[in-house]
């Protein structure tokens, strides 16, 4: 889910589902390992999670892979790192 939706009142937001004191871990599309981490979660969760959630995770892994391979996205990531470093 896009950051803006995740931080909103979107009904599928993991942040909204998390308890106030619950630890969370964020995977970003810019990390080349993210799609494989998601797919490993799908494999490990196949018998315990609803099919809709598994399908959403597979779709997200694919979308993140596409985004990471987009030149425009990679340029925005590099630019944001330079801005934060200065």
PDB file of N, CA and C in Angstrom:
ATOM      1  N   UNK A   1       0.852  -1.167   0.000  1.00  0.00           N
ATOM      2  CA  UNK A   1       0.000   0.000   0.000  1.00  0.00           C
ATOM      3  C   UNK A   1       0.901   1.234   0.000  1.00  0.00           C
ATOM      4  N   UNK A   2       0.510   2.251  -0.701  1.00  0.00           N
ATOM      5  CA  UNK A   2       1.262   3.493  -0.739  1.00  0.00           C
ATOM      6  C   UNK A   2       1.282   4.139   0.648  1.00  0.00           C
ATOM      7  N   UNK A   3       2.378   4.824   0.952  1.00  0.00           N
ATOM      8  CA  UNK A   3       2.564   5.455   2.259  1.00  0.00           C
ATOM      9  C   UNK A   3       1.368   6.316   2.648  1.00  0.00           C
ATOM     10  N   UNK A   4       0.893   7.143   1.722  1.00  0.00           N
ATOM     11  CA  UNK A   4      -0.210   8.050   2.055  1.00  0.00           C
ATOM     12  C   UNK A   4      -1.473   7.283   2.468  1.00  0.00           C
ATOM     13  N   UNK A   5      -1.745   6.164   1.815  1.00  0.00           N
ATOM     14  CA  UNK A   5      -2.914   5.353   2.183  1.00  0.00           C
ATOM     15  C   UNK A   5      -2.674   4.619   3.499  1.00  0.00           C
ATOM     16  N   UNK A   6      -1.452   4.136   3.694  1.00  0.00           N
ATOM     17  CA  UNK A   6      -1.132   3.404   4.922  1.00  0.00           C
ATOM     18  C   UNK A   6      -1.305   4.285   6.152  1.00  0.00           C
ATOM     19  N   UNK A   7      -0.984   5.563   6.008  1.00  0.00           N
ATOM     20  CA  UNK A   7      -1.077   6.484   7.140  1.00  0.00           C
ATOM     21  C   UNK A   7      -2.457   7.137   7.265  1.00  0.00           C
ATOM     22  N   UNK A   8      -3.372   6.787   6.367  1.00  0.00           N
ATOM     23  CA  UNK A   8      -4.732   7.344   6.412  1.00  0.00           C
ATOM     24  C   UNK A   8      -5.659   6.386   7.161  1.00  0.00           C
ATOM     25  N   UNK A   9      -6.942   6.624   7.036  1.00  0.00           N
ATOM     26  CA  UNK A   9      -7.934   5.740   7.659  1.00  0.00           C
ATOM     27  C   UNK A   9      -8.366   4.617   6.720  1.00  0.00           C
ATOM     28  N   UNK A  10      -7.540   4.288   5.747  1.00  0.00           N
ATOM     29  CA  UNK A  10      -7.848   3.233   4.781  1.00  0.00           C
ATOM     30  C   UNK A  10      -8.156   1.932   5.535  1.00  0.00           C
ATOM     31  N   UNK A  11      -9.229   1.230   5.184  1.00  0.00           N
ATOM     32  CA  UNK A  11      -9.628   0.028   5.926  1.00  0.00           C
ATOM     33  C   UNK A  11      -8.609  -1.121   5.890  1.00  0.00           C
ATOM     34  N   UNK A  12      -7.750  -1.165   4.884  1.00  0.00           N
ATOM     35  CA  UNK A  12      -6.759  -2.242   4.814  1.00  0.00           C
ATOM     36  C   UNK A  12      -5.396  -1.826   5.388  1.00  0.00           C
ATOM     37  N   UNK A  13      -5.311  -0.647   5.966  1.00  0.00           N
ATOM     38  CA  UNK A  13      -4.046  -0.155   6.509  1.00  0.00           C
ATOM     39  C   UNK A  13      -3.564  -1.038   7.656  1.00  0.00           C
ATOM     40  N   UNK A  14      -2.354  -1.548   7.517  1.00  0.00           N
ATOM     41  CA  UNK A  14      -1.756  -2.349   8.591  1.00  0.00           C
ATOM     42  C   UNK A  14      -1.545  -1.497   9.836  1.00  0.00           C
ATOM     43  N   UNK A  15      -1.206  -0.240   9.634  1.00  0.00           N
ATOM     44  CA  UNK A  15      -0.983   0.647  10.777  1.00  0.00           C
ATOM     45  C   UNK A  15      -2.261   0.828  11.589  1.00  0.00           C
ATOM     46  N   UNK A  16      -3.391   0.878  10.912  1.00  0.00           N
ATOM     47  CA  UNK A  16      -4.659   1.007  11.631  1.00  0.00           C
ATOM     48  C   UNK A  16      -5.039  -0.284  12.346  1.00  0.00           C
ATOM     49  N   UNK A  17      -4.586  -1.410  11.826  1.00  0.00           N
ATOM     50  CA  UNK A  17      -4.881  -2.700  12.458  1.00  0.00           C
ATOM     51  C   UNK A  17      -3.961  -2.990  13.640  1.00  0.00           C
ATOM     52  N   UNK A  18      -2.760  -2.392  13.641  1.00  0.00           N
ATOM     53  CA  UNK A  18      -1.789  -2.648  14.703  1.00  0.00           C
ATOM     54  C   UNK A  18      -2.249  -2.032  16.022  1.00  0.00           C
ATOM     55  N   UNK A  19      -1.947  -2.719  17.102  1.00  0.00           N
ATOM     56  CA  UNK A  19      -2.208  -2.163  18.425  1.00  0.00           C
ATOM     57  C   UNK A  19      -1.282  -0.965  18.639  1.00  0.00           C
ATOM     58  N   UNK A  20      -1.695  -0.047  19.493  1.00  0.00           N
ATOM     59  CA  UNK A  20      -0.898   1.161  19.711  1.00  0.00           C
ATOM     60  C   UNK A  20       0.519   0.850  20.186  1.00  0.00           C
ATOM     61  N   UNK A  21       0.707  -0.216  20.937  1.00  0.00           N
ATOM     62  CA  UNK A  21       2.037  -0.552  21.452  1.00  0.00           C
ATOM     63  C   UNK A  21       2.671  -1.745  20.716  1.00  0.00           C
ATOM     64  N   UNK A  22       2.087  -2.114  19.578  1.00  0.00           N
ATOM     65  CA  UNK A  22       2.592  -3.260  18.810  1.00  0.00           C
ATOM     66  C   UNK A  22       3.772  -2.850  17.930  1.00  0.00           C
ATOM     67  N   UNK A  23       4.810  -3.665  17.930  1.00  0.00           N
ATOM     68  CA  UNK A  23       5.960  -3.414  17.066  1.00  0.00           C
ATOM     69  C   UNK A  23       5.587  -3.709  15.617  1.00  0.00           C
ATOM     70  N   UNK A  24       6.081  -2.905  14.699  1.00  0.00           N
ATOM     71  CA  UNK A  24       5.849  -3.113  13.272  1.00  0.00           C
ATOM     72  C   UNK A  24       7.187  -3.031  12.540  1.00  0.00           C
ATOM     73  N   UNK A  25       7.231  -3.626  11.359  1.00  0.00           N
ATOM     74  CA  UNK A  25       8.433  -3.615  10.531  1.00  0.00           C
ATOM     75  C   UNK A  25       8.006  -3.249   9.124  1.00  0.00           C
ATOM     76  N   UNK A  26       8.668  -2.273   8.528  1.00  0.00           N
ATOM     77  CA  UNK A  26       8.278  -1.762   7.219  1.00  0.00           C
ATOM     78  C   UNK A  26       9.248  -2.250   6.149  1.00  0.00           C
ATOM     79  N   UNK A  27       8.710  -2.743   5.048  1.00  0.00           N
ATOM     80  CA  UNK A  27       9.509  -3.109   3.883  1.00  0.00           C
ATOM     81  C   UNK A  27       9.252  -2.081   2.797  1.00  0.00           C
ATOM     82  N   UNK A  28      10.322  -1.538   2.237  1.00  0.00           N
ATOM     83  CA  UNK A  28      10.197  -0.528   1.189  1.00  0.00           C
ATOM     84  C   UNK A  28      10.475  -1.146  -0.175  1.00  0.00           C
ATOM     85  N   UNK A  29       9.820  -0.607  -1.196  1.00  0.00           N
ATOM     86  CA  UNK A  29      10.015  -1.097  -2.565  1.00  0.00           C
ATOM     87  C   UNK A  29      11.445  -0.890  -3.036  1.00  0.00           C
ATOM     88  N   UNK A  30      12.146   0.086  -2.483  1.00  0.00           N
ATOM     89  CA  UNK A  30      13.521   0.359  -2.922  1.00  0.00           C
ATOM     90  C   UNK A  30      14.506  -0.722  -2.482  1.00  0.00           C
ATOM     91  N   UNK A  31      14.112  -1.570  -1.548  1.00  0.00           N
ATOM     92  CA  UNK A  31      14.982  -2.666  -1.103  1.00  0.00           C
ATOM     93  C   UNK A  31      14.812  -3.838  -2.065  1.00  0.00           C
ATOM     94  N   UNK A  32      15.881  -4.235  -2.745  1.00  0.00           N
ATOM     95  CA  UNK A  32      15.747  -5.302  -3.745  1.00  0.00           C
ATOM     96  C   UNK A  32      15.345  -6.656  -3.156  1.00  0.00           C
ATOM     97  N   UNK A  33      15.449  -6.838  -1.850  1.00  0.00           N
ATOM     98  CA  UNK A  33      15.068  -8.105  -1.225  1.00  0.00           C
ATOM     99  C   UNK A  33      13.592  -8.161  -0.845  1.00  0.00           C
ATOM    100  N   UNK A  34      12.911  -7.019  -0.873  1.00  0.00           N
ATOM    101  CA  UNK A  34      11.524  -6.972  -0.419  1.00  0.00           C
ATOM    102  C   UNK A  34      10.600  -7.964  -1.136  1.00  0.00           C
ATOM    103  N   UNK A  35      10.576  -8.031  -2.463  1.00  0.00           N
ATOM    104  CA  UNK A  35       9.662  -8.990  -3.098  1.00  0.00           C
ATOM    105  C   UNK A  35       9.903 -10.442  -2.656  1.00  0.00           C
ATOM    106  N   UNK A  36      11.160 -10.840  -2.517  1.00  0.00           N
ATOM    107  CA  UNK A  36      11.428 -12.224  -2.104  1.00  0.00           C
ATOM    108  C   UNK A  36      11.053 -12.448  -0.640  1.00  0.00           C
ATOM    109  N   UNK A  37      11.195 -11.430   0.203  1.00  0.00           N
ATOM    110  CA  UNK A  37      10.779 -11.555   1.599  1.00  0.00           C
ATOM    111  C   UNK A  37       9.259 -11.733   1.669  1.00  0.00           C
ATOM    112  N   UNK A  38       8.540 -10.955   0.890  1.00  0.00           N
ATOM    113  CA  UNK A  38       7.077 -11.077   0.853  1.00  0.00           C
ATOM    114  C   UNK A  38       6.667 -12.463   0.360  1.00  0.00           C
ATOM    115  N   UNK A  39       7.316 -12.935  -0.697  1.00  0.00           N
ATOM    116  CA  UNK A  39       6.960 -14.256  -1.236  1.00  0.00           C
ATOM    117  C   UNK A  39       7.279 -15.372  -0.237  1.00  0.00           C
ATOM    118  N   UNK A  40       8.333 -15.215   0.531  1.00  0.00           N
ATOM    119  CA  UNK A  40       8.639 -16.203   1.572  1.00  0.00           C
ATOM    120  C   UNK A  40       7.560 -16.187   2.648  1.00  0.00           C
ATOM    121  N   UNK A  41       7.085 -14.980   2.995  1.00  0.00           N
ATOM    122  CA  UNK A  41       5.985 -14.874   3.954  1.00  0.00           C
ATOM    123  C   UNK A  41       4.754 -15.600   3.413  1.00  0.00           C
ATOM    124  N   UNK A  42       4.462 -15.418   2.118  1.00  0.00           N
ATOM    125  CA  UNK A  42       3.318 -16.094   1.497  1.00  0.00           C
ATOM    126  C   UNK A  42       3.476 -17.608   1.625  1.00  0.00           C
ATOM    127  N   UNK A  43       4.644 -18.125   1.310  1.00  0.00           N
ATOM    128  CA  UNK A  43       4.881 -19.575   1.405  1.00  0.00           C
ATOM    129  C   UNK A  43       4.678 -20.069   2.829  1.00  0.00           C
ATOM    130  N   UNK A  44       5.229 -19.335   3.795  1.00  0.00           N
ATOM    131  CA  UNK A  44       5.130 -19.751   5.197  1.00  0.00           C
ATOM    132  C   UNK A  44       3.711 -19.592   5.756  1.00  0.00           C
ATOM    133  N   UNK A  45       2.930 -18.700   5.165  1.00  0.00           N
ATOM    134  CA  UNK A  45       1.601 -18.374   5.689  1.00  0.00           C
ATOM    135  C   UNK A  45       0.460 -19.039   4.920  1.00  0.00           C
ATOM    136  N   UNK A  46       0.802 -19.840   3.939  1.00  0.00           N
ATOM    137  CA  UNK A  46      -0.211 -20.396   3.037  1.00  0.00           C
ATOM    138  C   UNK A  46      -1.347 -21.110   3.776  1.00  0.00           C
ATOM    139  N   UNK A  47      -1.033 -21.822   4.830  1.00  0.00           N
ATOM    140  CA  UNK A  47      -2.078 -22.593   5.515  1.00  0.00           C
ATOM    141  C   UNK A  47      -2.738 -21.823   6.659  1.00  0.00           C
ATOM    142  N   UNK A  48      -2.273 -20.620   6.943  1.00  0.00           N
ATOM    143  CA  UNK A  48      -2.816 -19.897   8.104  1.00  0.00           C
ATOM    144  C   UNK A  48      -3.484 -18.563   7.768  1.00  0.00           C
ATOM    145  N   UNK A  49      -3.299 -18.070   6.547  1.00  0.00           N
ATOM    146  CA  UNK A  49      -3.848 -16.767   6.181  1.00  0.00           C
ATOM    147  C   UNK A  49      -4.952 -16.914   5.138  1.00  0.00           C
ATOM    148  N   UNK A  50      -5.908 -15.988   5.131  1.00  0.00           N
ATOM    149  CA  UNK A  50      -6.963 -16.029   4.105  1.00  0.00           C
ATOM    150  C   UNK A  50      -6.370 -15.856   2.698  1.00  0.00           C
ATOM    151  N   UNK A  51      -6.963 -16.541   1.743  1.00  0.00           N
ATOM    152  CA  UNK A  51      -6.477 -16.493   0.367  1.00  0.00           C
ATOM    153  C   UNK A  51      -6.405 -15.058  -0.152  1.00  0.00           C
ATOM    154  N   UNK A  52      -7.372 -14.218   0.182  1.00  0.00           N
ATOM    155  CA  UNK A  52      -7.372 -12.823  -0.274  1.00  0.00           C
ATOM    156  C   UNK A  52      -6.111 -12.095   0.196  1.00  0.00           C
ATOM    157  N   UNK A  53      -5.700 -12.330   1.442  1.00  0.00           N
ATOM    158  CA  UNK A  53      -4.502 -11.689   1.972  1.00  0.00           C
ATOM    159  C   UNK A  53      -3.251 -12.183   1.256  1.00  0.00           C
ATOM    160  N   UNK A  54      -3.205 -13.470   0.952  1.00  0.00           N
ATOM    161  CA  UNK A  54      -2.069 -14.034   0.226  1.00  0.00           C
ATOM    162  C   UNK A  54      -1.984 -13.462  -1.187  1.00  0.00           C
ATOM    163  N   UNK A  55      -3.116 -13.362  -1.841  1.00  0.00           N
ATOM    164  CA  UNK A  55      -3.157 -12.798  -3.199  1.00  0.00           C
ATOM    165  C   UNK A  55      -2.731 -11.331  -3.169  1.00  0.00           C
ATOM    166  N   UNK A  56      -3.188 -10.579  -2.181  1.00  0.00           N
ATOM    167  CA  UNK A  56      -2.766  -9.179  -2.040  1.00  0.00           C
ATOM    168  C   UNK A  56      -1.254  -9.082  -1.857  1.00  0.00           C
ATOM    169  N   UNK A  57      -0.689  -9.982  -1.067  1.00  0.00           N
ATOM    170  CA  UNK A  57       0.753  -9.963  -0.823  1.00  0.00           C
ATOM    171  C   UNK A  57       1.529 -10.276  -2.102  1.00  0.00           C
ATOM    172  N   UNK A  58       1.070 -11.252  -2.863  1.00  0.00           N
ATOM    173  CA  UNK A  58       1.732 -11.595  -4.134  1.00  0.00           C
ATOM    174  C   UNK A  58       1.669 -10.417  -5.088  1.00  0.00           C
ATOM    175  N   UNK A  59       0.517  -9.783  -5.159  1.00  0.00           N
ATOM    176  CA  UNK A  59       0.354  -8.614  -6.023  1.00  0.00           C
ATOM    177  C   UNK A  59       1.281  -7.480  -5.593  1.00  0.00           C
ATOM    178  N   UNK A  60       1.405  -7.269  -4.286  1.00  0.00           N
ATOM    179  CA  UNK A  60       2.285  -6.226  -3.774  1.00  0.00           C
ATOM    180  C   UNK A  60       3.739  -6.532  -4.108  1.00  0.00           C
ATOM    181  N   UNK A  61       4.151  -7.779  -3.979  1.00  0.00           N
ATOM    182  CA  UNK A  61       5.526  -8.166  -4.316  1.00  0.00           C
ATOM    183  C   UNK A  61       5.813  -7.865  -5.785  1.00  0.00           C
ATOM    184  N   UNK A  62       4.868  -8.186  -6.643  1.00  0.00           N
ATOM    185  CA  UNK A  62       5.026  -7.915  -8.079  1.00  0.00           C
ATOM    186  C   UNK A  62       5.106  -6.412  -8.333  1.00  0.00           C
ATOM    187  N   UNK A  63       4.192  -5.653  -7.742  1.00  0.00           N
ATOM    188  CA  UNK A  63       4.176  -4.201  -7.941  1.00  0.00           C
ATOM    189  C   UNK A  63       5.456  -3.544  -7.416  1.00  0.00           C
ATOM    190  N   UNK A  64       5.958  -4.024  -6.288  1.00  0.00           N
ATOM    191  CA  UNK A  64       7.192  -3.461  -5.731  1.00  0.00           C
ATOM    192  C   UNK A  64       8.382  -3.769  -6.644  1.00  0.00           C
ATOM    193  N   UNK A  65       8.393  -4.945  -7.215  1.00  0.00           N
ATOM    194  CA  UNK A  65       9.463  -5.315  -8.139  1.00  0.00           C
ATOM    195  C   UNK A  65       9.440  -4.417  -9.373  1.00  0.00           C
ATOM    196  N   UNK A  66       8.243  -4.178  -9.893  1.00  0.00           N
ATOM    197  CA  UNK A  66       8.093  -3.291 -11.052  1.00  0.00           C
ATOM    198  C   UNK A  66       8.552  -1.882 -10.689  1.00  0.00           C
ATOM    199  N   UNK A  67       8.144  -1.395  -9.520  1.00  0.00           N
ATOM    200  CA  UNK A  67       8.519  -0.044  -9.122  1.00  0.00           C
ATOM    201  C   UNK A  67      10.034   0.081  -8.961  1.00  0.00           C
ATOM    202  N   UNK A  68      10.661  -0.904  -8.336  1.00  0.00           N
ATOM    203  CA  UNK A  68      12.110  -0.866  -8.149  1.00  0.00           C
ATOM    204  C   UNK A  68      12.839  -0.820  -9.484  1.00  0.00           C
ATOM    205  N   UNK A  69      12.299  -1.461 -10.489  1.00  0.00           N
ATOM    206  CA  UNK A  69      12.939  -1.494 -11.800  1.00  0.00           C
ATOM    207  C   UNK A  69      12.605  -0.291 -12.676  1.00  0.00           C
ATOM    208  N   UNK A  70      11.787   0.619 -12.161  1.00  0.00           N
ATOM    209  CA  UNK A  70      11.428   1.831 -12.895  1.00  0.00           C
ATOM    210  C   UNK A  70      12.524   2.882 -12.708  1.00  0.00           C
ATOM    211  N   UNK A  71      13.107   3.336 -13.799  1.00  0.00           N
ATOM    212  CA  UNK A  71      14.212   4.305 -13.744  1.00  0.00           C
ATOM    213  C   UNK A  71      13.804   5.596 -13.042  1.00  0.00           C
ATOM    214  N   UNK A  72      12.614   6.081 -13.322  1.00  0.00           N
ATOM    215  CA  UNK A  72      12.145   7.311 -12.685  1.00  0.00           C
ATOM    216  C   UNK A  72      12.061   7.171 -11.175  1.00  0.00           C
ATOM    217  N   UNK A  73      11.589   6.022 -10.710  1.00  0.00           N
ATOM    218  CA  UNK A  73      11.500   5.762  -9.270  1.00  0.00           C
ATOM    219  C   UNK A  73      12.891   5.734  -8.659  1.00  0.00           C
ATOM    220  N   UNK A  74      13.816   5.040  -9.308  1.00  0.00           N
ATOM    221  CA  UNK A  74      15.181   4.946  -8.777  1.00  0.00           C
ATOM    222  C   UNK A  74      15.837   6.328  -8.706  1.00  0.00           C
ATOM    223  N   UNK A  75      15.558   7.170  -9.676  1.00  0.00           N
ATOM    224  CA  UNK A  75      16.113   8.526  -9.658  1.00  0.00           C
ATOM    225  C   UNK A  75      15.523   9.330  -8.486  1.00  0.00           C
ATOM    226  N   UNK A  76      14.220   9.176  -8.215  1.00  0.00           N
ATOM    227  CA  UNK A  76      13.599   9.874  -7.086  1.00  0.00           C
ATOM    228  C   UNK A  76      14.196   9.405  -5.761  1.00  0.00           C
ATOM    229  N   UNK A  77      14.481   8.109  -5.647  1.00  0.00           N
ATOM    230  CA  UNK A  77      15.101   7.570  -4.425  1.00  0.00           C
ATOM    231  C   UNK A  77      16.483   8.191  -4.235  1.00  0.00           C
ATOM    232  N   UNK A  78      17.283   8.230  -5.306  1.00  0.00           N
ATOM    233  CA  UNK A  78      18.624   8.820  -5.216  1.00  0.00           C
ATOM    234  C   UNK A  78      18.541  10.294  -4.828  1.00  0.00           C
ATOM    235  N   UNK A  79      17.623  11.028  -5.438  1.00  0.00           N
ATOM    236  CA  UNK A  79      17.455  12.445  -5.137  1.00  0.00           C
ATOM    237  C   UNK A  79      17.048  12.645  -3.682  1.00  0.00           C
ATOM    238  N   UNK A  80      16.137  11.833  -3.192  1.00  0.00           N
ATOM    239  CA  UNK A  80      15.678  11.996  -1.803  1.00  0.00           C
ATOM    240  C   UNK A  80      16.815  11.718  -0.823  1.00  0.00           C
ATOM    241  N   UNK A  81      17.685  10.772  -1.155  1.00  0.00           N
ATOM    242  CA  UNK A  81      18.836  10.493  -0.281  1.00  0.00           C
ATOM    243  C   UNK A  81      19.799  11.671  -0.269  1.00  0.00           C
ATOM    244  N   UNK A  82      20.017  12.314  -1.423  1.00  0.00           N
ATOM    245  CA  UNK A  82      20.918  13.467  -1.486  1.00  0.00           C
ATOM    246  C   UNK A  82      20.354  14.635  -0.691  1.00  0.00           C
ATOM    247  N   UNK A  83      19.053  14.849  -0.795  1.00  0.00           N
ATOM    248  CA  UNK A  83      18.403  15.960  -0.089  1.00  0.00           C
ATOM    249  C   UNK A  83      18.510  15.730   1.415  1.00  0.00           C
ATOM    250  N   UNK A  84      18.274  14.516   1.870  1.00  0.00           N
ATOM    251  CA  UNK A  84      18.331  14.220   3.315  1.00  0.00           C
ATOM    252  C   UNK A  84      19.758  14.292   3.840  1.00  0.00           C
ATOM    253  N   UNK A  85      20.736  13.998   2.991  1.00  0.00           N
ATOM    254  CA  UNK A  85      22.139  14.039   3.418  1.00  0.00           C
ATOM    255  C   UNK A  85      22.648  15.459   3.553  1.00  0.00           C
ATOM    256  N   UNK A  86      22.029  16.400   2.873  1.00  0.00           N
ATOM    257  CA  UNK A  86      22.533  17.787   2.928  1.00  0.00           C
ATOM    258  C   UNK A  86      21.873  18.608   3.999  1.00  0.00           C
TER     259      UNK A  86
END
